[in-house]
Amino acid sequence: GLGHAVWCARDIVGNEPFAVVLPDELV
């Protein structure tokens, strides 16, 4: 799931706010 995918990036993101962008949705 999406929540698990975001959690997998925890160590790279670190302790700062971040964006999540779903690639199959274009605006």
PDB file of all heavy atoms in Angstrom:
ATOM      1  N   GLY A   1       0.787  -1.219   0.000  1.00  0.00           N
ATOM      2  CA  GLY A   1       0.000   0.000   0.000  1.00  0.00           C
ATOM      3  C   GLY A   1       0.822   1.273   0.000  1.00  0.00           C
ATOM      4  O   GLY A   1       2.037   1.273   0.224  1.00  0.00           O
ATOM      5  N   LEU A   2       0.119   2.392  -0.236  1.00  0.00           N
ATOM      6  CA  LEU A   2       0.773   3.697  -0.330  1.00  0.00           C
ATOM      7  C   LEU A   2       1.423   4.097   0.985  1.00  0.00           C
ATOM      8  O   LEU A   2       2.542   4.638   1.003  1.00  0.00           O
ATOM      9  CB  LEU A   2      -0.249   4.756  -0.752  1.00  0.00           C
ATOM     10  CG  LEU A   2       0.241   6.202  -0.814  1.00  0.00           C
ATOM     11  CD1 LEU A   2       1.425   6.351  -1.763  1.00  0.00           C
ATOM     12  CD2 LEU A   2      -0.894   7.137  -1.217  1.00  0.00           C
ATOM     13  N   GLY A   3       0.755   3.837   2.107  1.00  0.00           N
ATOM     14  CA  GLY A   3       1.329   4.185   3.397  1.00  0.00           C
ATOM     15  C   GLY A   3       2.650   3.486   3.634  1.00  0.00           C
ATOM     16  O   GLY A   3       3.623   4.084   4.108  1.00  0.00           O
ATOM     17  N   HIS A   4       2.721   2.215   3.278  1.00  0.00           N
ATOM     18  CA  HIS A   4       3.957   1.457   3.438  1.00  0.00           C
ATOM     19  C   HIS A   4       5.047   1.985   2.516  1.00  0.00           C
ATOM     20  O   HIS A   4       6.224   2.065   2.900  1.00  0.00           O
ATOM     21  CB  HIS A   4       3.696  -0.025   3.165  1.00  0.00           C
ATOM     22  CG  HIS A   4       4.895  -0.896   3.334  1.00  0.00           C
ATOM     23  ND1 HIS A   4       5.654  -1.326   2.265  1.00  0.00           N
ATOM     24  CD2 HIS A   4       5.487  -1.409   4.456  1.00  0.00           C
ATOM     25  CE1 HIS A   4       6.648  -2.064   2.703  1.00  0.00           C
ATOM     26  NE2 HIS A   4       6.574  -2.138   4.025  1.00  0.00           N
ATOM     27  N   ALA A   5       4.671   2.375   1.293  1.00  0.00           N
ATOM     28  CA  ALA A   5       5.651   2.917   0.354  1.00  0.00           C
ATOM     29  C   ALA A   5       6.272   4.199   0.897  1.00  0.00           C
ATOM     30  O   ALA A   5       7.492   4.392   0.838  1.00  0.00           O
ATOM     31  CB  ALA A   5       4.991   3.183  -0.999  1.00  0.00           C
ATOM     32  N   VAL A   6       5.445   5.068   1.454  1.00  0.00           N
ATOM     33  CA  VAL A   6       5.959   6.310   2.030  1.00  0.00           C
ATOM     34  C   VAL A   6       6.871   6.002   3.210  1.00  0.00           C
ATOM     35  O   VAL A   6       7.939   6.611   3.368  1.00  0.00           O
ATOM     36  CB  VAL A   6       4.790   7.224   2.462  1.00  0.00           C
ATOM     37  CG1 VAL A   6       5.296   8.425   3.257  1.00  0.00           C
ATOM     38  CG2 VAL A   6       4.013   7.695   1.229  1.00  0.00           C
ATOM     39  N   TRP A   7       6.488   5.049   4.037  1.00  0.00           N
ATOM     40  CA  TRP A   7       7.306   4.673   5.203  1.00  0.00           C
ATOM     41  C   TRP A   7       8.681   4.171   4.773  1.00  0.00           C
ATOM     42  O   TRP A   7       9.676   4.390   5.459  1.00  0.00           O
ATOM     43  CB  TRP A   7       6.571   3.598   6.004  1.00  0.00           C
ATOM     44  CG  TRP A   7       7.304   3.133   7.221  1.00  0.00           C
ATOM     45  CD1 TRP A   7       7.448   3.790   8.417  1.00  0.00           C
ATOM     46  CD2 TRP A   7       8.006   1.893   7.372  1.00  0.00           C
ATOM     47  NE1 TRP A   7       8.187   3.037   9.292  1.00  0.00           N
ATOM     48  CE2 TRP A   7       8.543   1.867   8.679  1.00  0.00           C
ATOM     49  CE3 TRP A   7       8.219   0.798   6.527  1.00  0.00           C
ATOM     50  CZ2 TRP A   7       9.286   0.784   9.155  1.00  0.00           C
ATOM     51  CZ3 TRP A   7       8.966  -0.273   6.999  1.00  0.00           C
ATOM     52  CH2 TRP A   7       9.477  -0.274   8.302  1.00  0.00           C
ATOM     53  N   CYS A   8       8.766   3.518   3.629  1.00  0.00           N
ATOM     54  CA  CYS A   8      10.051   2.999   3.137  1.00  0.00           C
ATOM     55  C   CYS A   8      11.060   4.118   2.877  1.00  0.00           C
ATOM     56  O   CYS A   8      12.265   3.859   2.826  1.00  0.00           O
ATOM     57  CB  CYS A   8       9.837   2.192   1.858  1.00  0.00           C
ATOM     58  SG  CYS A   8       9.035   0.590   2.115  1.00  0.00           S
ATOM     59  N   ALA A   9      10.593   5.353   2.729  1.00  0.00           N
ATOM     60  CA  ALA A   9      11.484   6.480   2.441  1.00  0.00           C
ATOM     61  C   ALA A   9      11.917   7.222   3.694  1.00  0.00           C
ATOM     62  O   ALA A   9      12.577   8.266   3.609  1.00  0.00           O
ATOM     63  CB  ALA A   9      10.791   7.446   1.487  1.00  0.00           C
ATOM     64  N   ARG A  10      11.588   6.703   4.874  1.00  0.00           N
ATOM     65  CA  ARG A  10      11.764   7.437   6.131  1.00  0.00           C
ATOM     66  C   ARG A  10      13.210   7.876   6.373  1.00  0.00           C
ATOM     67  O   ARG A  10      13.454   9.016   6.797  1.00  0.00           O
ATOM     68  CB  ARG A  10      11.261   6.588   7.304  1.00  0.00           C
ATOM     69  CG  ARG A  10      12.043   5.297   7.508  1.00  0.00           C
ATOM     70  CD  ARG A  10      11.298   4.281   8.357  1.00  0.00           C
ATOM     71  NE  ARG A  10      12.074   3.058   8.568  1.00  0.00           N
ATOM     72  CZ  ARG A  10      12.202   2.084   7.662  1.00  0.00           C
ATOM     73  NH1 ARG A  10      11.627   2.200   6.478  1.00  0.00           N
ATOM     74  NH2 ARG A  10      12.913   1.005   7.935  1.00  0.00           N
ATOM     75  N   ASP A  11      14.169   7.004   6.131  1.00  0.00           N
ATOM     76  CA  ASP A  11      15.555   7.328   6.441  1.00  0.00           C
ATOM     77  C   ASP A  11      16.135   8.351   5.462  1.00  0.00           C
ATOM     78  O   ASP A  11      17.035   9.118   5.815  1.00  0.00           O
ATOM     79  CB  ASP A  11      16.422   6.069   6.450  1.00  0.00           C
ATOM     80  CG  ASP A  11      16.159   5.187   7.656  1.00  0.00           C
ATOM     81  OD1 ASP A  11      15.676   5.723   8.675  1.00  0.00           O
ATOM     82  OD2 ASP A  11      16.422   3.973   7.587  1.00  0.00           O
ATOM     83  N   ILE A  12      15.636   8.353   4.246  1.00  0.00           N
ATOM     84  CA  ILE A  12      16.116   9.323   3.255  1.00  0.00           C
ATOM     85  C   ILE A  12      15.488  10.687   3.498  1.00  0.00           C
ATOM     86  O   ILE A  12      16.150  11.715   3.365  1.00  0.00           O
ATOM     87  CB  ILE A  12      15.823   8.833   1.833  1.00  0.00           C
ATOM     88  CG1 ILE A  12      16.404   7.438   1.617  1.00  0.00           C
ATOM     89  CG2 ILE A  12      16.401   9.807   0.798  1.00  0.00           C
ATOM     90  CD1 ILE A  12      16.061   6.827   0.274  1.00  0.00           C
ATOM     91  N   VAL A  13      14.226  10.703   3.865  1.00  0.00           N
ATOM     92  CA  VAL A  13      13.549  11.974   4.149  1.00  0.00           C
ATOM     93  C   VAL A  13      14.134  12.626   5.397  1.00  0.00           C
ATOM     94  O   VAL A  13      14.421  13.828   5.434  1.00  0.00           O
ATOM     95  CB  VAL A  13      12.033  11.759   4.322  1.00  0.00           C
ATOM     96  CG1 VAL A  13      11.365  13.045   4.837  1.00  0.00           C
ATOM     97  CG2 VAL A  13      11.401  11.330   3.001  1.00  0.00           C
ATOM     98  N   GLY A  14      14.303  11.826   6.459  1.00  0.00           N
ATOM     99  CA  GLY A  14      14.811  12.383   7.700  1.00  0.00           C
ATOM    100  C   GLY A  14      13.759  13.170   8.451  1.00  0.00           C
ATOM    101  O   GLY A  14      12.557  12.993   8.251  1.00  0.00           O
ATOM    102  N   ASN A  15      14.200  14.089   9.275  1.00  0.00           N
ATOM    103  CA  ASN A  15      13.295  14.826  10.162  1.00  0.00           C
ATOM    104  C   ASN A  15      12.954  16.192   9.579  1.00  0.00           C
ATOM    105  O   ASN A  15      13.309  17.244  10.122  1.00  0.00           O
ATOM    106  CB  ASN A  15      13.944  14.984  11.541  1.00  0.00           C
ATOM    107  CG  ASN A  15      12.975  15.533  12.577  1.00  0.00           C
ATOM    108  OD1 ASN A  15      11.771  15.256  12.507  1.00  0.00           O
ATOM    109  ND2 ASN A  15      13.474  16.306  13.515  1.00  0.00           N
ATOM    110  N   GLU A  16      12.261  16.201   8.455  1.00  0.00           N
ATOM    111  CA  GLU A  16      11.839  17.458   7.837  1.00  0.00           C
ATOM    112  C   GLU A  16      10.566  17.222   7.039  1.00  0.00           C
ATOM    113  O   GLU A  16      10.276  16.093   6.625  1.00  0.00           O
ATOM    114  CB  GLU A  16      12.930  18.020   6.937  1.00  0.00           C
ATOM    115  CG  GLU A  16      13.355  17.127   5.783  1.00  0.00           C
ATOM    116  CD  GLU A  16      14.463  17.749   4.952  1.00  0.00           C
ATOM    117  OE1 GLU A  16      14.169  18.686   4.178  1.00  0.00           O
ATOM    118  OE2 GLU A  16      15.632  17.316   5.094  1.00  0.00           O
ATOM    119  N   PRO A  17       9.771  18.265   6.817  1.00  0.00           N
ATOM    120  CA  PRO A  17       8.559  18.091   6.016  1.00  0.00           C
ATOM    121  C   PRO A  17       8.914  17.700   4.587  1.00  0.00           C
ATOM    122  O   PRO A  17       9.990  18.039   4.086  1.00  0.00           O
ATOM    123  CB  PRO A  17       7.891  19.473   6.077  1.00  0.00           C
ATOM    124  CG  PRO A  17       8.999  20.416   6.412  1.00  0.00           C
ATOM    125  CD  PRO A  17       9.956  19.659   7.272  1.00  0.00           C
ATOM    126  N   PHE A  18       8.007  16.996   3.937  1.00  0.00           N
ATOM    127  CA  PHE A  18       8.293  16.484   2.593  1.00  0.00           C
ATOM    128  C   PHE A  18       7.001  16.379   1.796  1.00  0.00           C
ATOM    129  O   PHE A  18       5.890  16.406   2.354  1.00  0.00           O
ATOM    130  CB  PHE A  18       8.967  15.111   2.690  1.00  0.00           C
ATOM    131  CG  PHE A  18       8.090  14.039   3.298  1.00  0.00           C
ATOM    132  CD1 PHE A  18       7.456  13.096   2.507  1.00  0.00           C
ATOM    133  CD2 PHE A  18       7.909  13.969   4.682  1.00  0.00           C
ATOM    134  CE1 PHE A  18       6.652  12.107   3.062  1.00  0.00           C
ATOM    135  CE2 PHE A  18       7.106  12.987   5.261  1.00  0.00           C
ATOM    136  CZ  PHE A  18       6.476  12.058   4.447  1.00  0.00           C
ATOM    137  N   ALA A  19       7.160  16.275   0.495  1.00  0.00           N
ATOM    138  CA  ALA A  19       6.011  16.107  -0.386  1.00  0.00           C
ATOM    139  C   ALA A  19       5.905  14.649  -0.810  1.00  0.00           C
ATOM    140  O   ALA A  19       6.895  13.918  -0.841  1.00  0.00           O
ATOM    141  CB  ALA A  19       6.148  16.996  -1.614  1.00  0.00           C
ATOM    142  N   VAL A  20       4.689  14.231  -1.124  1.00  0.00           N
ATOM    143  CA  VAL A  20       4.439  12.928  -1.741  1.00  0.00           C
ATOM    144  C   VAL A  20       3.710  13.196  -3.053  1.00  0.00           C
ATOM    145  O   VAL A  20       2.707  13.924  -3.069  1.00  0.00           O
ATOM    146  CB  VAL A  20       3.591  12.011  -0.838  1.00  0.00           C
ATOM    147  CG1 VAL A  20       3.282  10.695  -1.562  1.00  0.00           C
ATOM    148  CG2 VAL A  20       4.302  11.734   0.477  1.00  0.00           C
ATOM    149  N   VAL A  21       4.218  12.641  -4.133  1.00  0.00           N
ATOM    150  CA  VAL A  21       3.652  12.872  -5.463  1.00  0.00           C
ATOM    151  C   VAL A  21       3.372  11.530  -6.119  1.00  0.00           C
ATOM    152  O   VAL A  21       4.287  10.722  -6.293  1.00  0.00           O
ATOM    153  CB  VAL A  21       4.625  13.696  -6.345  1.00  0.00           C
ATOM    154  CG1 VAL A  21       3.986  13.985  -7.702  1.00  0.00           C
ATOM    155  CG2 VAL A  21       5.014  14.999  -5.660  1.00  0.00           C
ATOM    156  N   LEU A  22       2.110  11.281  -6.480  1.00  0.00           N
ATOM    157  CA  LEU A  22       1.751  10.043  -7.159  1.00  0.00           C
ATOM    158  C   LEU A  22       1.945  10.220  -8.659  1.00  0.00           C
ATOM    159  O   LEU A  22       1.287  11.064  -9.278  1.00  0.00           O
ATOM    160  CB  LEU A  22       0.305   9.656  -6.853  1.00  0.00           C
ATOM    161  CG  LEU A  22      -0.051   9.481  -5.370  1.00  0.00           C
ATOM    162  CD1 LEU A  22      -1.411   8.808  -5.231  1.00  0.00           C
ATOM    163  CD2 LEU A  22       1.010   8.683  -4.625  1.00  0.00           C
ATOM    164  N   PRO A  23       2.827   9.436  -9.275  1.00  0.00           N
ATOM    165  CA  PRO A  23       3.199   9.674 -10.669  1.00  0.00           C
ATOM    166  C   PRO A  23       2.102   9.427 -11.692  1.00  0.00           C
ATOM    167  O   PRO A  23       2.184   9.944 -12.807  1.00  0.00           O
ATOM    168  CB  PRO A  23       4.370   8.698 -10.883  1.00  0.00           C
ATOM    169  CG  PRO A  23       4.886   8.417  -9.524  1.00  0.00           C
ATOM    170  CD  PRO A  23       3.681   8.431  -8.643  1.00  0.00           C
ATOM    171  N   ASP A  24       1.096   8.619 -11.361  1.00  0.00           N
ATOM    172  CA  ASP A  24       0.073   8.360 -12.374  1.00  0.00           C
ATOM    173  C   ASP A  24      -1.056   9.377 -12.355  1.00  0.00           C
ATOM    174  O   ASP A  24      -2.041   9.224 -13.074  1.00  0.00           O
ATOM    175  CB  ASP A  24      -0.479   6.936 -12.244  1.00  0.00           C
ATOM    176  CG  ASP A  24      -1.000   6.631 -10.859  1.00  0.00           C
ATOM    177  OD1 ASP A  24      -0.988   7.527 -10.001  1.00  0.00           O
ATOM    178  OD2 ASP A  24      -1.421   5.475 -10.625  1.00  0.00           O
ATOM    179  N   GLU A  25      -0.918  10.430 -11.550  1.00  0.00           N
ATOM    180  CA  GLU A  25      -1.890  11.514 -11.551  1.00  0.00           C
ATOM    181  C   GLU A  25      -1.205  12.786 -12.051  1.00  0.00           C
ATOM    182  O   GLU A  25      -0.304  13.307 -11.398  1.00  0.00           O
ATOM    183  CB  GLU A  25      -2.469  11.731 -10.151  1.00  0.00           C
ATOM    184  CG  GLU A  25      -3.286  10.541  -9.657  1.00  0.00           C
ATOM    185  CD  GLU A  25      -4.045  10.856  -8.372  1.00  0.00           C
ATOM    186  OE1 GLU A  25      -4.231  12.050  -8.064  1.00  0.00           O
ATOM    187  OE2 GLU A  25      -4.445   9.908  -7.689  1.00  0.00           O
ATOM    188  N   LEU A  26      -1.631  13.265 -13.196  1.00  0.00           N
ATOM    189  CA  LEU A  26      -1.084  14.484 -13.773  1.00  0.00           C
ATOM    190  C   LEU A  26      -2.096  15.605 -13.653  1.00  0.00           C
ATOM    191  O   LEU A  26      -3.303  15.395 -13.813  1.00  0.00           O
ATOM    192  CB  LEU A  26      -0.729  14.281 -15.251  1.00  0.00           C
ATOM    193  CG  LEU A  26       0.324  13.233 -15.595  1.00  0.00           C
ATOM    194  CD1 LEU A  26       0.653  13.300 -17.086  1.00  0.00           C
ATOM    195  CD2 LEU A  26       1.587  13.410 -14.766  1.00  0.00           C
ATOM    196  N   VAL A  27      -1.601  16.806 -13.370  1.00  0.00           N
ATOM    197  CA  VAL A  27      -2.456  17.998 -13.301  1.00  0.00           C
ATOM    198  C   VAL A  27      -1.980  18.961 -14.368  1.00  0.00           C
ATOM    199  O   VAL A  27      -0.819  19.402 -14.351  1.00  0.00           O
ATOM    200  CB  VAL A  27      -2.418  18.655 -11.915  1.00  0.00           C
ATOM    201  CG1 VAL A  27      -3.252  19.942 -11.912  1.00  0.00           C
ATOM    202  CG2 VAL A  27      -2.938  17.694 -10.854  1.00  0.00           C
TER     203      VAL A  27
END
